[in-house]
Amino acid sequence: MGPFGERGQVTAISYHDTVNDLQGRVWSDQGPFARPAWFRLLEESGLHPFIAVVREGDEAMALPLHRRGGRLEALTNWYAFDWRPLRTANADDDALLPALARALLQQTHRLDLAKLPEEDGWLPRLEAAFGAAGWFIIRQPCDTNHILPVASRSYQKYLDTRPGPLRTTLKRKAKKVEAVVVAQFHPADWEAYEAIYASSWKPAEGDPALLRRFAEAESAAGRYRFALARHQGEPVAAQFWTVDGATAYIHKLAHRDSAAALSPGTTLTAALMQRVIDVDQVEQVDFGTGDDRYKRDWMEAQRTRWHLTCLRPTDPRNWPAIARHLLRTLVSRNAAG
């Protein structure tokens, strides 16, 4: 227990090795990848959490982390679009986050935070707090996030702005497959998706059991959207989306290599776009990470996801990385000047 008790001061910092210890508080909803339920899925998949929690009265903030090779990293995986700390509704970020940054100096020599969003302020807050606590900070872009601001358009008005080749493909190919969109998880649909994915161009699924549990949980919460395309009765393409608040998230999509000439993925994306824009009335569609060229046909804006490397400068293990970064910075400044 810390020595502080007044408003704006930290009352307690604790560390936990299971997400279950986060129960008992109401954490603010920040999307699919910043909920205890998501971090619990990661724990169940084999990751070993190290969760740093700071409390001030009834309010709290938590950094869901895990240990890897002697360092601490954000508790995340390849399915997540971003990573954020957890916080209660009225948490004083300006007091709680710096307290965690100072305390973690005693827990590790290096902390890596990946997939950080900038648009909601978490990147600058984390960078400022850890820098002020005495960490040496290296900030680097790590991924690209493509999004569509719907801007109150109907699906038809949105479609009218798509590239000509995309609209031509839809006109020529849409009737060649039957597309069905559902809002509830059905095991037979998911088995069809897994079979399609296995016969697609994509690499082996990273953790299919975790992905299925996530889909089932999103269905139970009413956020699930799934589309399946059939050609002559055979499933040839599938997509898994969720609608979370005012945002639709595109999680997974695949089509059979043998059905590529039918463009079933294009037809399914259009069907789901129509659903989330006209029926769910979302304000934004998030196509996740990865700078795939086809995403630009559907999306209209992009955002950078950032990686913060926080190094304890007094630890000799970090000196080579610090020296390399300072040298690169010096070379870059000289080249620019």
Protein backbone atom coordinates (compact mmCIF):
# COMPACT_ATOMS: atom_id res chain seq x y z
CA MET A 1 0.00 0.00 0.00
CA GLY A 2 1.38 3.38 -1.00
CA PRO A 3 1.60 6.36 1.37
CA PHE A 4 -0.87 8.63 -0.41
CA GLY A 5 -4.55 9.15 0.22
CA GLU A 6 -5.66 12.54 -1.13
CA ARG A 7 -7.50 12.94 -4.42
CA GLY A 8 -4.96 12.91 -7.25
CA GLN A 9 -2.54 10.73 -5.29
CA VAL A 10 -1.97 7.01 -5.64
CA THR A 11 -3.25 4.79 -2.85
CA ALA A 12 -2.08 1.36 -4.04
CA ILE A 13 -0.09 -0.38 -6.76
CA SER A 14 -0.35 -4.14 -7.21
CA TYR A 15 0.70 -6.81 -9.70
CA HIS A 16 -1.37 -9.78 -10.82
CA ASP A 17 -0.74 -12.96 -12.81
CA THR A 18 -4.33 -13.58 -13.88
CA VAL A 19 -6.99 -11.48 -15.60
CA ASN A 20 -9.51 -12.81 -13.10
CA ASP A 21 -8.08 -10.37 -10.56
CA LEU A 22 -9.59 -7.52 -12.59
CA GLN A 23 -13.08 -8.59 -11.61
CA GLY A 24 -14.96 -6.44 -9.15
CA ARG A 25 -14.49 -3.16 -11.02
CA VAL A 26 -16.37 -1.66 -13.95
CA TRP A 27 -13.81 -0.85 -16.62
CA SER A 28 -14.59 1.71 -19.31
CA ASP A 29 -15.53 0.18 -22.66
CA GLN A 30 -12.84 1.03 -25.20
CA GLY A 31 -13.65 -1.48 -27.90
CA PRO A 32 -13.08 -5.19 -28.49
CA PHE A 33 -9.39 -5.29 -27.59
CA ALA A 34 -9.49 -3.30 -24.36
CA ARG A 35 -11.84 -5.40 -22.25
CA PRO A 36 -11.01 -7.93 -19.50
CA ALA A 37 -12.85 -10.56 -21.58
CA TRP A 38 -10.36 -10.14 -24.43
CA PHE A 39 -7.32 -10.32 -22.15
CA ARG A 40 -8.84 -13.39 -20.50
CA LEU A 41 -8.99 -15.10 -23.91
CA LEU A 42 -5.29 -14.36 -24.36
CA GLU A 43 -4.54 -15.85 -20.96
CA GLU A 44 -6.54 -18.96 -21.83
CA SER A 45 -4.60 -19.24 -25.09
CA GLY A 46 -1.32 -19.69 -23.20
CA LEU A 47 0.01 -16.18 -22.51
CA HIS A 48 1.02 -15.47 -18.90
CA PRO A 49 -0.28 -12.08 -17.78
CA PHE A 50 1.59 -9.58 -15.68
CA ILE A 51 -1.02 -6.95 -14.89
CA ALA A 52 0.07 -3.75 -13.19
CA VAL A 53 -2.81 -2.04 -11.38
CA VAL A 54 -2.85 1.34 -9.67
CA ARG A 55 -5.80 2.41 -7.50
CA GLU A 56 -6.94 5.71 -6.12
CA GLY A 57 -10.05 5.16 -4.00
CA ASP A 58 -12.71 3.59 -6.19
CA GLU A 59 -10.91 4.45 -9.44
CA ALA A 60 -8.17 2.41 -11.09
CA MET A 61 -5.98 1.92 -14.14
CA ALA A 62 -4.44 -1.35 -15.32
CA LEU A 63 -1.68 -2.13 -17.80
CA PRO A 64 -2.28 -5.68 -19.15
CA LEU A 65 1.23 -6.97 -19.88
CA HIS A 66 3.07 -10.26 -20.09
CA ARG A 67 6.66 -11.35 -19.68
CA ARG A 68 8.77 -12.41 -22.65
CA GLY A 69 12.50 -13.10 -22.49
CA GLY A 70 13.13 -11.03 -19.39
CA ARG A 71 11.15 -8.01 -20.55
CA LEU A 72 7.55 -6.89 -20.28
CA GLU A 73 5.32 -6.50 -23.33
CA ALA A 74 1.76 -5.45 -24.04
CA LEU A 75 -0.64 -8.37 -23.58
CA THR A 76 -1.83 -8.72 -27.17
CA ASN A 77 -1.58 -10.90 -30.27
CA TRP A 78 -1.99 -10.72 -34.06
CA TYR A 79 -5.82 -10.67 -33.94
CA ALA A 80 -5.93 -7.39 -32.03
CA PHE A 81 -6.13 -4.12 -33.96
CA ASP A 82 -4.74 -2.06 -31.08
CA TRP A 83 -3.76 -2.13 -27.39
CA ARG A 84 -4.85 0.22 -24.62
CA PRO A 85 -4.65 0.32 -20.83
CA LEU A 86 -7.81 -0.39 -18.90
CA ARG A 87 -9.31 2.40 -16.81
CA THR A 88 -12.42 3.06 -14.76
CA ALA A 89 -14.72 5.87 -15.83
CA ASN A 90 -13.41 8.62 -13.54
CA ALA A 91 -9.78 7.56 -13.23
CA ASP A 92 -7.33 10.45 -12.98
CA ASP A 93 -4.97 9.53 -15.81
CA ASP A 94 -2.55 12.34 -14.95
CA ALA A 95 -1.94 10.80 -11.51
CA LEU A 96 -2.36 7.07 -12.11
CA LEU A 97 -0.38 6.57 -15.32
CA PRO A 98 2.82 8.30 -14.07
CA ALA A 99 2.61 6.27 -10.86
CA LEU A 100 2.55 3.03 -12.85
CA ALA A 101 5.42 4.21 -15.05
CA ARG A 102 7.58 4.91 -12.00
CA ALA A 103 6.68 1.64 -10.29
CA LEU A 104 7.49 -0.47 -13.35
CA LEU A 105 11.10 0.74 -13.25
CA GLN A 106 11.50 -1.76 -10.41
CA GLN A 107 9.86 -4.61 -12.32
CA THR A 108 11.77 -4.78 -15.62
CA HIS A 109 14.64 -3.26 -17.56
CA ARG A 110 12.57 -2.99 -20.76
CA LEU A 111 8.91 -2.51 -21.62
CA ASP A 112 7.51 -2.83 -25.16
CA LEU A 113 4.06 -1.42 -25.94
CA ALA A 114 2.83 -2.22 -29.46
CA LYS A 115 -0.22 -1.25 -31.56
CA LEU A 116 -0.76 2.00 -29.71
CA PRO A 117 -3.44 4.33 -31.11
CA GLU A 118 -2.73 8.02 -31.39
CA GLU A 119 -6.20 9.34 -32.18
CA ASP A 120 -7.61 8.83 -28.67
CA GLY A 121 -4.59 10.26 -26.86
CA TRP A 122 -3.11 7.06 -25.43
CA LEU A 123 0.16 7.31 -27.37
CA PRO A 124 1.14 10.80 -26.16
CA ARG A 125 -0.06 10.08 -22.61
CA LEU A 126 1.98 6.89 -22.35
CA GLU A 127 5.04 8.47 -23.95
CA ALA A 128 4.90 11.47 -21.63
CA ALA A 129 4.30 9.44 -18.47
CA PHE A 130 7.10 6.92 -19.06
CA GLY A 131 9.52 9.62 -20.24
CA ALA A 132 8.86 11.71 -17.13
CA ALA A 133 9.36 8.64 -14.93
CA GLY A 134 12.92 8.25 -16.23
CA TRP A 135 12.58 5.71 -19.03
CA PHE A 136 14.46 6.21 -22.30
CA ILE A 137 11.71 6.20 -24.94
CA ILE A 138 11.95 5.05 -28.56
CA ARG A 139 8.81 5.67 -30.61
CA GLN A 140 8.41 3.91 -33.95
CA PRO A 141 5.52 3.25 -36.35
CA CYS A 142 4.64 -0.44 -36.34
CA ASP A 143 1.52 -0.81 -38.49
CA THR A 144 -1.15 0.90 -40.59
CA ASN A 145 -4.86 0.92 -39.79
CA HIS A 146 -7.35 1.58 -42.62
CA ILE A 147 -10.74 3.05 -41.72
CA LEU A 148 -13.89 4.37 -43.36
CA PRO A 149 -15.57 7.43 -41.80
CA VAL A 150 -19.18 6.89 -42.91
CA ALA A 151 -20.05 10.58 -42.54
CA SER A 152 -23.82 9.99 -42.40
CA ARG A 153 -23.92 8.52 -45.92
CA SER A 154 -26.25 5.76 -47.02
CA TYR A 155 -24.67 2.63 -48.40
CA GLN A 156 -25.64 3.66 -51.95
CA LYS A 157 -24.04 7.08 -51.60
CA TYR A 158 -20.91 5.43 -50.22
CA LEU A 159 -20.87 2.89 -53.05
CA ASP A 160 -21.14 5.65 -55.64
CA THR A 161 -17.75 6.94 -54.47
CA ARG A 162 -15.94 3.61 -54.82
CA PRO A 163 -13.37 3.09 -57.58
CA GLY A 164 -14.85 2.27 -60.98
CA PRO A 165 -13.24 -1.20 -61.26
CA LEU A 166 -14.72 -2.20 -57.88
CA ARG A 167 -18.22 -1.12 -58.86
CA THR A 168 -17.87 -2.89 -62.22
CA THR A 169 -16.82 -6.09 -60.45
CA LEU A 170 -19.87 -5.93 -58.22
CA LYS A 171 -22.20 -5.44 -61.18
CA ARG A 172 -20.68 -8.33 -63.12
CA LYS A 173 -20.10 -10.83 -60.29
CA ALA A 174 -22.63 -10.20 -57.50
CA LYS A 175 -25.30 -12.43 -59.05
CA LYS A 176 -22.88 -15.33 -59.44
CA VAL A 177 -22.94 -16.09 -55.70
CA GLU A 178 -25.60 -16.13 -53.01
CA ALA A 179 -24.60 -13.97 -50.01
CA VAL A 180 -26.24 -14.34 -46.61
CA VAL A 181 -25.52 -12.13 -43.58
CA VAL A 182 -26.36 -13.32 -40.06
CA ALA A 183 -25.98 -11.76 -36.61
CA GLN A 184 -25.73 -14.94 -34.55
CA PHE A 185 -23.00 -17.55 -34.31
CA HIS A 186 -23.86 -20.93 -35.86
CA PRO A 187 -21.36 -23.80 -35.59
CA ALA A 188 -22.07 -24.95 -39.17
CA ASP A 189 -21.29 -21.48 -40.53
CA TRP A 190 -18.03 -21.35 -38.59
CA GLU A 191 -17.02 -24.79 -39.80
CA ALA A 192 -17.66 -23.58 -43.36
CA TYR A 193 -15.44 -20.55 -42.68
CA GLU A 194 -12.64 -22.78 -41.38
CA ALA A 195 -12.88 -25.02 -44.44
CA ILE A 196 -12.80 -21.99 -46.75
CA TYR A 197 -9.84 -20.50 -44.90
CA ALA A 198 -7.94 -23.79 -45.18
CA SER A 199 -8.38 -23.75 -48.96
CA SER A 200 -7.57 -20.06 -49.37
CA TRP A 201 -4.32 -18.26 -50.18
CA LYS A 202 -3.78 -17.35 -46.54
CA PRO A 203 -1.23 -18.87 -44.15
CA ALA A 204 -2.35 -21.26 -41.42
CA GLU A 205 -4.58 -19.65 -38.81
CA GLY A 206 -2.57 -18.51 -35.79
CA ASP A 207 -4.94 -19.66 -33.05
CA PRO A 208 -8.25 -20.94 -34.48
CA ALA A 209 -9.59 -21.98 -31.07
CA LEU A 210 -9.13 -18.48 -29.65
CA LEU A 211 -10.72 -16.89 -32.71
CA ARG A 212 -13.76 -19.14 -32.41
CA ARG A 213 -14.18 -18.37 -28.70
CA PHE A 214 -13.95 -14.67 -29.51
CA ALA A 215 -16.63 -15.03 -32.21
CA GLU A 216 -18.91 -16.95 -29.85
CA ALA A 217 -18.50 -14.31 -27.14
CA GLU A 218 -19.20 -11.47 -29.58
CA SER A 219 -22.34 -13.29 -30.73
CA ALA A 220 -23.54 -13.66 -27.13
CA ALA A 221 -22.99 -9.92 -26.67
CA GLY A 222 -25.00 -9.07 -29.81
CA ARG A 223 -22.02 -7.72 -31.73
CA TYR A 224 -21.48 -10.56 -34.22
CA ARG A 225 -21.87 -10.15 -38.00
CA PHE A 226 -21.03 -13.03 -40.34
CA ALA A 227 -21.47 -13.44 -44.09
CA LEU A 228 -21.22 -16.56 -46.19
CA ALA A 229 -21.21 -16.78 -50.00
CA ARG A 230 -22.27 -19.91 -51.84
CA HIS A 231 -21.87 -20.85 -55.49
CA GLN A 232 -24.09 -23.64 -56.70
CA GLY A 233 -24.68 -24.56 -53.05
CA GLU A 234 -21.01 -24.75 -52.08
CA PRO A 235 -19.60 -22.25 -49.53
CA VAL A 236 -16.85 -20.34 -51.32
CA ALA A 237 -16.22 -17.25 -49.14
CA ALA A 238 -16.81 -16.09 -45.58
CA GLN A 239 -16.25 -12.98 -43.50
CA PHE A 240 -16.40 -12.29 -39.76
CA TRP A 241 -17.15 -8.74 -38.60
CA THR A 242 -18.38 -7.20 -35.37
CA VAL A 243 -20.39 -4.06 -34.66
CA ASP A 244 -19.18 -2.47 -31.45
CA GLY A 245 -20.81 0.79 -30.50
CA ALA A 246 -20.55 3.10 -33.51
CA THR A 247 -17.78 1.10 -35.21
CA ALA A 248 -17.82 -2.00 -37.41
CA TYR A 249 -14.66 -4.10 -37.22
CA ILE A 250 -13.57 -6.37 -40.09
CA HIS A 251 -11.79 -9.28 -38.41
CA LYS A 252 -11.46 -12.13 -40.90
CA LEU A 253 -12.16 -12.74 -44.55
CA ALA A 254 -11.28 -15.59 -46.88
CA HIS A 255 -12.34 -17.22 -50.12
CA ARG A 256 -11.43 -20.46 -51.81
CA ASP A 257 -8.65 -20.14 -54.36
CA SER A 258 -10.78 -22.13 -56.77
CA ALA A 259 -13.52 -19.46 -56.59
CA ALA A 260 -11.32 -16.41 -57.20
CA ALA A 261 -12.84 -15.76 -60.64
CA LEU A 262 -16.23 -15.23 -58.98
CA SER A 263 -14.92 -12.41 -56.76
CA PRO A 264 -17.01 -13.72 -53.83
CA GLY A 265 -15.02 -11.70 -51.30
CA THR A 266 -15.95 -8.45 -53.03
CA THR A 267 -19.62 -9.43 -52.99
CA LEU A 268 -19.48 -10.31 -49.28
CA THR A 269 -17.72 -7.10 -48.31
CA ALA A 270 -20.39 -5.13 -50.15
CA ALA A 271 -23.18 -7.09 -48.42
CA LEU A 272 -21.70 -6.46 -44.99
CA MET A 273 -21.02 -2.81 -45.78
CA GLN A 274 -24.66 -2.38 -46.67
CA ARG A 275 -25.70 -4.10 -43.45
CA VAL A 276 -23.51 -2.08 -41.08
CA ILE A 277 -24.12 1.27 -42.80
CA ASP A 278 -27.87 1.10 -43.49
CA VAL A 279 -29.07 -1.22 -40.71
CA ASP A 280 -26.55 -0.88 -37.88
CA GLN A 281 -25.89 2.75 -38.80
CA VAL A 282 -22.27 2.73 -37.75
CA GLU A 283 -20.17 5.88 -37.94
CA GLN A 284 -16.94 4.12 -38.84
CA VAL A 285 -15.66 0.88 -40.35
CA ASP A 286 -12.26 -0.38 -39.17
CA PHE A 287 -10.34 -2.72 -41.49
CA GLY A 288 -7.71 -3.60 -38.90
CA THR A 289 -3.96 -3.58 -39.37
CA GLY A 290 -1.95 -4.29 -42.50
CA ASP A 291 -1.42 -2.07 -45.52
CA ASP A 292 -3.00 -4.43 -48.06
CA ARG A 293 -3.75 -2.59 -51.31
CA TYR A 294 -7.31 -3.95 -51.64
CA LYS A 295 -8.29 -2.19 -48.40
CA ARG A 296 -7.89 1.17 -50.13
CA ASP A 297 -10.76 0.32 -52.47
CA TRP A 298 -13.12 0.20 -49.47
CA MET A 299 -11.56 2.57 -46.93
CA GLU A 300 -10.93 6.31 -47.17
CA ALA A 301 -8.47 7.10 -44.37
CA GLN A 302 -5.59 5.51 -42.54
CA ARG A 303 -3.97 5.81 -39.14
CA THR A 304 -0.58 4.78 -37.82
CA ARG A 305 -0.20 2.29 -35.01
CA TRP A 306 2.85 2.94 -32.84
CA HIS A 307 5.39 0.97 -30.83
CA LEU A 308 6.94 2.44 -27.70
CA THR A 309 10.16 0.85 -26.45
CA CYS A 310 10.76 1.97 -22.87
CA LEU A 311 14.31 1.32 -21.67
CA ARG A 312 15.63 1.75 -18.14
CA PRO A 313 18.73 3.82 -18.96
CA THR A 314 20.81 2.64 -15.99
CA ASP A 315 20.68 -1.01 -17.11
CA PRO A 316 23.74 -2.02 -19.21
CA ARG A 317 21.59 -4.42 -21.24
CA ASN A 318 19.90 -1.38 -22.78
CA TRP A 319 22.99 0.66 -23.62
CA PRO A 320 23.55 -0.80 -27.13
CA ALA A 321 19.93 -0.08 -28.13
CA ILE A 322 20.11 3.44 -26.70
CA ALA A 323 23.40 4.12 -28.50
CA ARG A 324 22.02 2.88 -31.83
CA HIS A 325 18.94 5.04 -31.50
CA LEU A 326 20.95 8.15 -30.61
CA LEU A 327 23.28 7.52 -33.57
CA ARG A 328 20.35 7.10 -35.98
CA THR A 329 18.78 10.30 -34.65
CA LEU A 330 22.05 12.21 -35.12
CA VAL A 331 22.52 10.91 -38.67
CA SER A 332 18.92 11.78 -39.54
CA ARG A 333 19.26 15.32 -38.21
CA ASN A 334 22.51 15.88 -40.08
CA ALA A 335 20.94 14.58 -43.30
CA ALA A 336 17.93 16.88 -42.86
CA GLY A 337 20.08 19.89 -42.00
